[in-house]
Structures are given as C-alpha cells and as structure tokens.
C-alpha cells in the first residue's frame, strides 16, 4: 500500500511531509478534496486519529499524526540524510522543528486564521501576532546572515519545515515594507521555493505586495467622535455681592475721621 496523507490542500502542515517525501523519492497519495468538518468527523477517520485533526499519514504499519512526526518519518526514508551530518546537526534540525511549532505556527494561525475564516478577528491579538512574527524573522535573519541553510551546507528537514510554515505569511501578509529588513531570510526562502521539490508541492508562488486583512477588519469603520455638549453657563445670582474688603476698610476710616473732627 502506498503512503497516503489525509488533509485538505493547500495546507502547510501537510506540505512538510510531502516536500520531505519528494527529497526521499517516496510517492505519497494526497486527498485534495478532503473537507474539514465533514471527512474528519467520520468514524473511519477518527479511527486513524481520535483527535479528528489533519494531516494524518497512512502507512503499511499504521497511521501517524502530528505534522512534524509525519515529516520526520518520511525524511528518514531518504538515502541522503535530511537530518545533517552527525548527531549534533540532527539535534539542531529537531530544534528548528520544535521552534516552528511554538514560534511560527502559533502566531501565524492567529494572524492568518481570520483571513481564512476559521478564527474570529481580534485586532489586539493580530497586532501581537505581527510582533511575534517580526521577532521570528529577525532571529532567522541574524542566523542566516552567515549561512546558506539553517543547518549544515545543504537543505535539511529544518529548511523544509520552517520554509513551509512561512509560505502563506509571505504570500498573503508579509508585504514589501514588512519584508524589507529581512534580506537574508528572503534570499534563503527564494532558494527553497526555486527547488523543484518545493515548487511541485506548494504550486505557484508570489510575494505579497499588499497586506491582506480579514473581511471583518475591512468593514470596521472608524467611529465618529462625539461632540461634547455645551454646558449652560451658571446664571448670575440676583443677590448683591458682598462689599469688598478694601471698600469696608475705607468706610470705617471715614467714620473714624468724622468722629475725631467733632
């Protein structure tokens, strides 16, 4: 039985394993018509992954879920190591896979989710996600300033997984201005997507020229400022004002002089 990945496509989490399989020379059947909310709720699918999540890899020995585990399994079928040249480089590859799960995919889902329609738009959460992605790109840019690839001297599973997780960000929201400071990341990413093993999986690609926003965010109009109501001026009291201290002193002095002149 050939390998088979259950997942709707396009899906960066499924791309990890599919690109690794390309480098390994392994054929993997896909399910591009897979419908989330329908196909992942069937008893047959839940027998493959009780969590109902994708992707799931079907093998002769059983099923594997979690995208990084799938990518690792298929990468190990390659005759040319995708895990570096030694145990240390393999640890670095695994480091970048874990980094992707926590530092890229999480903020990416917060930012992109409302655009794709599977999350409610929240302006504060989106702004925080933008800041997190900017930090990630800064870290990657510093790392790649003296390197062609993330680990070693050729493409590894680290490049495959990190690169796949950035595709939709670069394609939809990381516009020209956002990308400008990260020249080393762009050079590295361009190197990856020009590889046939990448392009055959992710398809046609172009960088975003304008940052996409959710439909709800586009429709939110700025609330007009409310004019302050003018408070009525306090009316002057009809009672006579008390005499000033200076006037009172003068009257007393006049009376005192009159008494002395008598």
C-alpha atoms as a PDB file:
ATOM      1  CA  UNK A   1       0.000   0.000   0.000  1.00  0.00           C
ATOM      2  CA  UNK A   2       1.441   3.436  -0.900  1.00  0.00           C
ATOM      3  CA  UNK A   3       1.760   6.219   1.614  1.00  0.00           C
ATOM      4  CA  UNK A   4      -1.252   8.468   1.848  1.00  0.00           C
ATOM      5  CA  UNK A   5      -1.734  11.838   3.564  1.00  0.00           C
ATOM      6  CA  UNK A   6      -5.224  12.798   4.671  1.00  0.00           C
ATOM      7  CA  UNK A   7      -5.581  16.580   4.604  1.00  0.00           C
ATOM      8  CA  UNK A   8      -7.236  19.324   2.604  1.00  0.00           C
ATOM      9  CA  UNK A   9      -4.799  21.100   0.314  1.00  0.00           C
ATOM     10  CA  UNK A  10      -3.156  23.542   0.264  1.00  0.00           C
ATOM     11  CA  UNK A  11      -2.022  23.040   3.858  1.00  0.00           C
ATOM     12  CA  UNK A  12       1.485  23.959   5.103  1.00  0.00           C
ATOM     13  CA  UNK A  13       1.331  21.263   7.772  1.00  0.00           C
ATOM     14  CA  UNK A  14       0.791  18.624   5.101  1.00  0.00           C
ATOM     15  CA  UNK A  15       3.404  20.260   2.853  1.00  0.00           C
ATOM     16  CA  UNK A  16       6.143  19.436   5.376  1.00  0.00           C
ATOM     17  CA  UNK A  17       5.741  15.702   4.822  1.00  0.00           C
ATOM     18  CA  UNK A  18       5.023  15.993   1.108  1.00  0.00           C
ATOM     19  CA  UNK A  19       8.216  18.006   0.459  1.00  0.00           C
ATOM     20  CA  UNK A  20      10.256  15.623   2.626  1.00  0.00           C
ATOM     21  CA  UNK A  21       8.815  12.729   0.602  1.00  0.00           C
ATOM     22  CA  UNK A  22       9.922  14.439  -2.625  1.00  0.00           C
ATOM     23  CA  UNK A  23      13.501  14.600  -1.348  1.00  0.00           C
ATOM     24  CA  UNK A  24      13.250  10.986  -0.205  1.00  0.00           C
ATOM     25  CA  UNK A  25      11.927   9.847  -3.576  1.00  0.00           C
ATOM     26  CA  UNK A  26       8.801   8.401  -1.959  1.00  0.00           C
ATOM     27  CA  UNK A  27       5.362   8.604  -3.564  1.00  0.00           C
ATOM     28  CA  UNK A  28       2.590   9.856  -1.315  1.00  0.00           C
ATOM     29  CA  UNK A  29      -1.060   9.912  -2.320  1.00  0.00           C
ATOM     30  CA  UNK A  30      -2.979  13.047  -1.325  1.00  0.00           C
ATOM     31  CA  UNK A  31      -6.626  13.894  -0.612  1.00  0.00           C
ATOM     32  CA  UNK A  32      -7.118  17.427  -2.020  1.00  0.00           C
ATOM     33  CA  UNK A  33     -10.929  17.142  -1.789  1.00  0.00           C
ATOM     34  CA  UNK A  34     -10.825  16.392   1.949  1.00  0.00           C
ATOM     35  CA  UNK A  35     -13.412  18.550   3.751  1.00  0.00           C
ATOM     36  CA  UNK A  36     -12.744  19.695   7.290  1.00  0.00           C
ATOM     37  CA  UNK A  37     -15.801  19.461   9.496  1.00  0.00           C
ATOM     38  CA  UNK A  38     -17.097  16.575   7.413  1.00  0.00           C
ATOM     39  CA  UNK A  39     -14.458  13.999   6.451  1.00  0.00           C
ATOM     40  CA  UNK A  40     -12.519  14.387   9.688  1.00  0.00           C
ATOM     41  CA  UNK A  41     -15.668  13.595  11.712  1.00  0.00           C
ATOM     42  CA  UNK A  42     -16.332  10.178  10.206  1.00  0.00           C
ATOM     43  CA  UNK A  43     -15.762   7.005  12.256  1.00  0.00           C
ATOM     44  CA  UNK A  44     -13.237   5.860   9.628  1.00  0.00           C
ATOM     45  CA  UNK A  45     -11.100   8.979  10.046  1.00  0.00           C
ATOM     46  CA  UNK A  46     -11.413   9.055  13.838  1.00  0.00           C
ATOM     47  CA  UNK A  47     -10.049   5.515  13.867  1.00  0.00           C
ATOM     48  CA  UNK A  48      -6.914   6.963  12.207  1.00  0.00           C
ATOM     49  CA  UNK A  49      -6.705   9.979  14.556  1.00  0.00           C
ATOM     50  CA  UNK A  50      -9.126  10.200  17.512  1.00  0.00           C
ATOM     51  CA  UNK A  51      -8.458  13.964  17.710  1.00  0.00           C
ATOM     52  CA  UNK A  52     -10.004  14.488  14.283  1.00  0.00           C
ATOM     53  CA  UNK A  53      -7.054  16.648  13.175  1.00  0.00           C
ATOM     54  CA  UNK A  54      -5.058  16.696   9.953  1.00  0.00           C
ATOM     55  CA  UNK A  55      -2.689  15.758   8.485  1.00  0.00           C
ATOM     56  CA  UNK A  56      -2.662  12.002   9.054  1.00  0.00           C
ATOM     57  CA  UNK A  57      -0.193   9.722   7.270  1.00  0.00           C
ATOM     58  CA  UNK A  58      -1.326   6.226   6.339  1.00  0.00           C
ATOM     59  CA  UNK A  59       1.452   3.610   6.173  1.00  0.00           C
ATOM     60  CA  UNK A  60       1.657  -0.171   5.868  1.00  0.00           C
ATOM     61  CA  UNK A  61       2.260  -0.340   9.619  1.00  0.00           C
ATOM     62  CA  UNK A  62      -0.452   2.053  10.747  1.00  0.00           C
ATOM     63  CA  UNK A  63      -1.230   5.739  10.964  1.00  0.00           C
ATOM     64  CA  UNK A  64       0.856   8.697  12.114  1.00  0.00           C
ATOM     65  CA  UNK A  65      -0.482  12.112  13.072  1.00  0.00           C
ATOM     66  CA  UNK A  66       1.217  15.395  14.090  1.00  0.00           C
ATOM     67  CA  UNK A  67       2.808  17.108  11.110  1.00  0.00           C
ATOM     68  CA  UNK A  68       6.390  17.135  12.395  1.00  0.00           C
ATOM     69  CA  UNK A  69       6.247  13.414  13.213  1.00  0.00           C
ATOM     70  CA  UNK A  70       4.989  12.730   9.678  1.00  0.00           C
ATOM     71  CA  UNK A  71       7.777  14.862   8.187  1.00  0.00           C
ATOM     72  CA  UNK A  72      10.436  13.099  10.291  1.00  0.00           C
ATOM     73  CA  UNK A  73       9.163   9.666   9.266  1.00  0.00           C
ATOM     74  CA  UNK A  74       9.178  10.435   5.539  1.00  0.00           C
ATOM     75  CA  UNK A  75      12.530  12.256   5.745  1.00  0.00           C
ATOM     76  CA  UNK A  76      14.175   9.157   7.206  1.00  0.00           C
ATOM     77  CA  UNK A  77      13.313   7.276   4.020  1.00  0.00           C
ATOM     78  CA  UNK A  78      15.758   9.480   2.082  1.00  0.00           C
ATOM     79  CA  UNK A  79      19.061   7.944   1.008  1.00  0.00           C
ATOM     80  CA  UNK A  80      20.664  11.374   1.513  1.00  0.00           C
ATOM     81  CA  UNK A  81      20.300  12.497   5.114  1.00  0.00           C
ATOM     82  CA  UNK A  82      17.860  15.314   5.732  1.00  0.00           C
ATOM     83  CA  UNK A  83      18.995  15.420   9.382  1.00  0.00           C
ATOM     84  CA  UNK A  84      22.510  16.789   8.931  1.00  0.00           C
ATOM     85  CA  UNK A  85      25.870  15.059   9.061  1.00  0.00           C
ATOM     86  CA  UNK A  86      26.055  13.982  12.700  1.00  0.00           C
ATOM     87  CA  UNK A  87      24.148  13.753  15.966  1.00  0.00           C
ATOM     88  CA  UNK A  88      24.738  17.424  16.758  1.00  0.00           C
ATOM     89  CA  UNK A  89      23.307  18.610  13.434  1.00  0.00           C
ATOM     90  CA  UNK A  90      20.362  16.228  13.867  1.00  0.00           C
ATOM     91  CA  UNK A  91      19.664  17.874  17.225  1.00  0.00           C
ATOM     92  CA  UNK A  92      19.762  21.284  15.512  1.00  0.00           C
ATOM     93  CA  UNK A  93      17.283  20.080  12.895  1.00  0.00           C
ATOM     94  CA  UNK A  94      14.925  18.919  15.634  1.00  0.00           C
ATOM     95  CA  UNK A  95      15.449  22.233  17.400  1.00  0.00           C
ATOM     96  CA  UNK A  96      14.138  24.108  14.360  1.00  0.00           C
ATOM     97  CA  UNK A  97      11.143  21.765  14.071  1.00  0.00           C
ATOM     98  CA  UNK A  98      10.178  22.494  17.673  1.00  0.00           C
ATOM     99  CA  UNK A  99      10.857  26.190  17.098  1.00  0.00           C
ATOM    100  CA  UNK A 100       8.426  26.172  14.178  1.00  0.00           C
ATOM    101  CA  UNK A 101       5.601  24.686  16.242  1.00  0.00           C
ATOM    102  CA  UNK A 102       5.861  27.204  19.051  1.00  0.00           C
ATOM    103  CA  UNK A 103       7.259  30.366  17.475  1.00  0.00           C
ATOM    104  CA  UNK A 104       5.904  30.412  13.903  1.00  0.00           C
ATOM    105  CA  UNK A 105       2.777  28.303  13.537  1.00  0.00           C
ATOM    106  CA  UNK A 106       1.028  29.673  16.611  1.00  0.00           C
ATOM    107  CA  UNK A 107       1.231  33.417  15.753  1.00  0.00           C
ATOM    108  CA  UNK A 108       0.756  32.599  12.065  1.00  0.00           C
ATOM    109  CA  UNK A 109      -2.570  30.907  12.840  1.00  0.00           C
ATOM    110  CA  UNK A 110      -3.684  33.919  14.910  1.00  0.00           C
ATOM    111  CA  UNK A 111      -2.813  36.317  12.073  1.00  0.00           C
ATOM    112  CA  UNK A 112      -3.993  34.216   9.127  1.00  0.00           C
ATOM    113  CA  UNK A 113      -6.954  32.464  10.775  1.00  0.00           C
ATOM    114  CA  UNK A 114      -9.359  35.416  10.430  1.00  0.00           C
ATOM    115  CA  UNK A 115      -8.283  35.888   6.789  1.00  0.00           C
ATOM    116  CA  UNK A 116      -9.114  32.256   6.017  1.00  0.00           C
ATOM    117  CA  UNK A 117     -12.280  32.484   8.095  1.00  0.00           C
ATOM    118  CA  UNK A 118     -11.626  29.861  10.754  1.00  0.00           C
ATOM    119  CA  UNK A 119     -10.960  32.360  13.576  1.00  0.00           C
ATOM    120  CA  UNK A 120     -12.751  35.480  14.731  1.00  0.00           C
ATOM    121  CA  UNK A 121     -10.838  38.678  14.026  1.00  0.00           C
ATOM    122  CA  UNK A 122      -9.348  40.322  17.103  1.00  0.00           C
ATOM    123  CA  UNK A 123      -7.286  43.446  16.440  1.00  0.00           C
ATOM    124  CA  UNK A 124      -5.224  43.175  19.621  1.00  0.00           C
ATOM    125  CA  UNK A 125      -4.383  39.502  19.049  1.00  0.00           C
ATOM    126  CA  UNK A 126      -3.462  40.209  15.420  1.00  0.00           C
ATOM    127  CA  UNK A 127      -1.110  43.026  16.408  1.00  0.00           C
ATOM    128  CA  UNK A 128       0.583  40.771  18.957  1.00  0.00           C
ATOM    129  CA  UNK A 129       0.964  38.055  16.299  1.00  0.00           C
ATOM    130  CA  UNK A 130       2.548  40.566  13.916  1.00  0.00           C
ATOM    131  CA  UNK A 131       5.074  41.456  16.583  1.00  0.00           C
ATOM    132  CA  UNK A 132       5.849  37.774  17.215  1.00  0.00           C
ATOM    133  CA  UNK A 133       6.402  37.104  13.506  1.00  0.00           C
ATOM    134  CA  UNK A 134       8.670  40.147  13.256  1.00  0.00           C
ATOM    135  CA  UNK A 135      10.770  38.740  16.125  1.00  0.00           C
ATOM    136  CA  UNK A 136      10.966  35.362  14.376  1.00  0.00           C
ATOM    137  CA  UNK A 137      12.117  36.935  11.117  1.00  0.00           C
ATOM    138  CA  UNK A 138      14.715  38.990  12.985  1.00  0.00           C
ATOM    139  CA  UNK A 139      16.089  35.842  14.622  1.00  0.00           C
ATOM    140  CA  UNK A 140      16.121  33.954  11.329  1.00  0.00           C
ATOM    141  CA  UNK A 141      17.759  36.857   9.512  1.00  0.00           C
ATOM    142  CA  UNK A 142      20.571  37.037  12.078  1.00  0.00           C
ATOM    143  CA  UNK A 143      21.076  33.268  11.855  1.00  0.00           C
ATOM    144  CA  UNK A 144      21.130  33.224   8.053  1.00  0.00           C
ATOM    145  CA  UNK A 145      23.447  36.227   7.726  1.00  0.00           C
ATOM    146  CA  UNK A 146      26.414  33.823   7.530  1.00  0.00           C
ATOM    147  CA  UNK A 147      24.621  30.670   6.360  1.00  0.00           C
ATOM    148  CA  UNK A 148      23.002  29.394   3.180  1.00  0.00           C
ATOM    149  CA  UNK A 149      20.763  26.926   5.032  1.00  0.00           C
ATOM    150  CA  UNK A 150      19.558  26.594   8.605  1.00  0.00           C
ATOM    151  CA  UNK A 151      21.718  23.559   9.394  1.00  0.00           C
ATOM    152  CA  UNK A 152      24.818  22.409   7.509  1.00  0.00           C
ATOM    153  CA  UNK A 153      25.693  23.037   3.899  1.00  0.00           C
ATOM    154  CA  UNK A 154      22.597  21.637   2.161  1.00  0.00           C
ATOM    155  CA  UNK A 155      18.844  21.562   2.541  1.00  0.00           C
ATOM    156  CA  UNK A 156      17.698  19.676   5.615  1.00  0.00           C
ATOM    157  CA  UNK A 157      14.348  18.907   7.183  1.00  0.00           C
ATOM    158  CA  UNK A 158      14.796  22.146   9.161  1.00  0.00           C
ATOM    159  CA  UNK A 159      14.607  24.203   5.956  1.00  0.00           C
ATOM    160  CA  UNK A 160      11.639  22.171   4.720  1.00  0.00           C
ATOM    161  CA  UNK A 161       9.578  22.612   7.873  1.00  0.00           C
ATOM    162  CA  UNK A 162      10.436  26.261   8.581  1.00  0.00           C
ATOM    163  CA  UNK A 163      10.078  27.190   4.898  1.00  0.00           C
ATOM    164  CA  UNK A 164       6.686  25.501   4.531  1.00  0.00           C
ATOM    165  CA  UNK A 165       5.376  27.277   7.636  1.00  0.00           C
ATOM    166  CA  UNK A 166       6.270  30.688   6.148  1.00  0.00           C
ATOM    167  CA  UNK A 167       4.695  30.257   2.700  1.00  0.00           C
ATOM    168  CA  UNK A 168       1.249  31.710   3.431  1.00  0.00           C
ATOM    169  CA  UNK A 169       2.727  34.500   5.537  1.00  0.00           C
ATOM    170  CA  UNK A 170       4.934  35.596   2.646  1.00  0.00           C
ATOM    171  CA  UNK A 171       2.152  35.088   0.141  1.00  0.00           C
ATOM    172  CA  UNK A 172      -0.623  36.954   1.969  1.00  0.00           C
ATOM    173  CA  UNK A 173       0.522  39.342   4.694  1.00  0.00           C
ATOM    174  CA  UNK A 174       4.279  39.952   4.710  1.00  0.00           C
ATOM    175  CA  UNK A 175       4.178  42.762   2.178  1.00  0.00           C
ATOM    176  CA  UNK A 176       7.099  44.662   0.653  1.00  0.00           C
ATOM    177  CA  UNK A 177       7.521  47.016   3.595  1.00  0.00           C
ATOM    178  CA  UNK A 178       7.311  44.262   6.205  1.00  0.00           C
ATOM    179  CA  UNK A 179       9.874  42.104   4.358  1.00  0.00           C
ATOM    180  CA  UNK A 180      12.365  44.873   3.624  1.00  0.00           C
ATOM    181  CA  UNK A 181      14.634  44.475   6.699  1.00  0.00           C
ATOM    182  CA  UNK A 182      14.942  40.693   6.317  1.00  0.00           C
ATOM    183  CA  UNK A 183      17.187  40.339   3.263  1.00  0.00           C
ATOM    184  CA  UNK A 184      18.897  37.133   4.403  1.00  0.00           C
ATOM    185  CA  UNK A 185      15.573  35.398   5.072  1.00  0.00           C
ATOM    186  CA  UNK A 186      14.266  36.387   1.638  1.00  0.00           C
ATOM    187  CA  UNK A 187      17.429  35.114  -0.076  1.00  0.00           C
ATOM    188  CA  UNK A 188      17.123  31.783   1.792  1.00  0.00           C
ATOM    189  CA  UNK A 189      13.383  31.474   1.122  1.00  0.00           C
ATOM    190  CA  UNK A 190      13.839  32.209  -2.580  1.00  0.00           C
ATOM    191  CA  UNK A 191      16.464  29.462  -2.718  1.00  0.00           C
ATOM    192  CA  UNK A 192      13.970  26.989  -1.270  1.00  0.00           C
ATOM    193  CA  UNK A 193      10.933  27.775  -3.409  1.00  0.00           C
ATOM    194  CA  UNK A 194      13.001  27.578  -6.578  1.00  0.00           C
ATOM    195  CA  UNK A 195      13.779  23.921  -5.834  1.00  0.00           C
ATOM    196  CA  UNK A 196      11.530  21.565  -7.850  1.00  0.00           C
ATOM    197  CA  UNK A 197      10.804  19.514  -4.723  1.00  0.00           C
ATOM    198  CA  UNK A 198       9.295  22.625  -3.147  1.00  0.00           C
ATOM    199  CA  UNK A 199       7.555  24.151  -6.157  1.00  0.00           C
ATOM    200  CA  UNK A 200       5.890  20.871  -7.158  1.00  0.00           C
ATOM    201  CA  UNK A 201       4.222  20.740  -3.739  1.00  0.00           C
ATOM    202  CA  UNK A 202       3.352  24.372  -2.951  1.00  0.00           C
ATOM    203  CA  UNK A 203       2.488  25.330  -6.519  1.00  0.00           C
ATOM    204  CA  UNK A 204       2.692  28.805  -7.992  1.00  0.00           C
ATOM    205  CA  UNK A 205       4.035  31.384  -5.569  1.00  0.00           C
ATOM    206  CA  UNK A 206       4.401  35.154  -5.455  1.00  0.00           C
ATOM    207  CA  UNK A 207       5.240  37.510  -2.604  1.00  0.00           C
ATOM    208  CA  UNK A 208       2.518  39.732  -1.165  1.00  0.00           C
ATOM    209  CA  UNK A 209       2.595  43.312  -2.391  1.00  0.00           C
ATOM    210  CA  UNK A 210      -0.232  44.391  -0.072  1.00  0.00           C
ATOM    211  CA  UNK A 211      -1.047  43.041   3.376  1.00  0.00           C
ATOM    212  CA  UNK A 212      -4.275  41.032   3.272  1.00  0.00           C
ATOM    213  CA  UNK A 213      -6.814  41.783   6.002  1.00  0.00           C
ATOM    214  CA  UNK A 214      -9.931  39.909   7.141  1.00  0.00           C
ATOM    215  CA  UNK A 215     -13.232  40.971   5.619  1.00  0.00           C
ATOM    216  CA  UNK A 216     -14.493  41.965   9.072  1.00  0.00           C
ATOM    217  CA  UNK A 217     -11.490  44.207   9.597  1.00  0.00           C
ATOM    218  CA  UNK A 218     -12.104  45.922   6.252  1.00  0.00           C
ATOM    219  CA  UNK A 219     -15.688  46.671   7.172  1.00  0.00           C
ATOM    220  CA  UNK A 220     -14.933  48.213  10.526  1.00  0.00           C
ATOM    221  CA  UNK A 221     -15.434  51.963  10.145  1.00  0.00           C
ATOM    222  CA  UNK A 222     -13.854  54.417  12.484  1.00  0.00           C
ATOM    223  CA  UNK A 223     -16.415  55.646  14.942  1.00  0.00           C
ATOM    224  CA  UNK A 224     -17.094  59.401  14.592  1.00  0.00           C
ATOM    225  CA  UNK A 225     -16.048  61.478  17.541  1.00  0.00           C
ATOM    226  CA  UNK A 226     -18.968  62.671  19.582  1.00  0.00           C
ATOM    227  CA  UNK A 227     -19.187  66.388  20.131  1.00  0.00           C
ATOM    228  CA  UNK A 228     -19.208  67.478  23.707  1.00  0.00           C
ATOM    229  CA  UNK A 229     -22.444  69.087  24.736  1.00  0.00           C
ATOM    230  CA  UNK A 230     -22.051  72.681  25.814  1.00  0.00           C
ATOM    231  CA  UNK A 231     -22.811  73.101  29.470  1.00  0.00           C
ATOM    232  CA  UNK A 232     -25.140  76.070  30.246  1.00  0.00           C
ATOM    233  CA  UNK A 233     -23.365  78.976  31.841  1.00  0.00           C
ATOM    234  CA  UNK A 234     -24.278  79.452  35.501  1.00  0.00           C
ATOM    235  CA  UNK A 235     -26.708  82.303  35.955  1.00  0.00           C
ATOM    236  CA  UNK A 236     -25.565  85.300  37.995  1.00  0.00           C
ATOM    237  CA  UNK A 237     -27.066  85.495  41.416  1.00  0.00           C
ATOM    238  CA  UNK A 238     -29.679  88.216  41.879  1.00  0.00           C
ATOM    239  CA  UNK A 239     -28.407  88.911  45.409  1.00  0.00           C
ATOM    240  CA  UNK A 240     -25.995  91.853  45.762  1.00  0.00           C
ATOM    241  CA  UNK A 241     -22.386  90.921  46.057  1.00  0.00           C
ATOM    242  CA  UNK A 242     -20.825  91.441  49.488  1.00  0.00           C
ATOM    243  CA  UNK A 243     -18.710  94.576  49.791  1.00  0.00           C
ATOM    244  CA  UNK A 244     -15.068  94.166  49.101  1.00  0.00           C
ATOM    245  CA  UNK A 245     -12.581  94.155  51.945  1.00  0.00           C
ATOM    246  CA  UNK A 246     -10.973  97.347  50.602  1.00  0.00           C
ATOM    247  CA  UNK A 247     -14.299  99.204  50.492  1.00  0.00           C
ATOM    248  CA  UNK A 248     -15.174  98.106  54.002  1.00  0.00           C
ATOM    249  CA  UNK A 249     -11.842  99.414  55.341  1.00  0.00           C
ATOM    250  CA  UNK A 250     -12.371 102.787  53.642  1.00  0.00           C
ATOM    251  CA  UNK A 251     -15.836 103.265  55.177  1.00  0.00           C
ATOM    252  CA  UNK A 252     -14.508 102.510  58.629  1.00  0.00           C
ATOM    253  CA  UNK A 253     -11.693 105.047  58.174  1.00  0.00           C
ATOM    254  CA  UNK A 254     -14.170 107.774  57.087  1.00  0.00           C
ATOM    255  CA  UNK A 255     -16.327 107.190  60.143  1.00  0.00           C
ATOM    256  CA  UNK A 256     -13.290 107.298  62.397  1.00  0.00           C
ATOM    257  CA  UNK A 257     -12.180 110.689  60.945  1.00  0.00           C
ATOM    258  CA  UNK A 258     -15.652 112.169  61.305  1.00  0.00           C
ATOM    259  CA  UNK A 259     -15.688 111.288  64.985  1.00  0.00           C
ATOM    260  CA  UNK A 260     -12.257 112.892  65.527  1.00  0.00           C
ATOM    261  CA  UNK A 261     -13.333 116.093  63.739  1.00  0.00           C
ATOM    262  CA  UNK A 262     -16.295 116.698  66.027  1.00  0.00           C
END
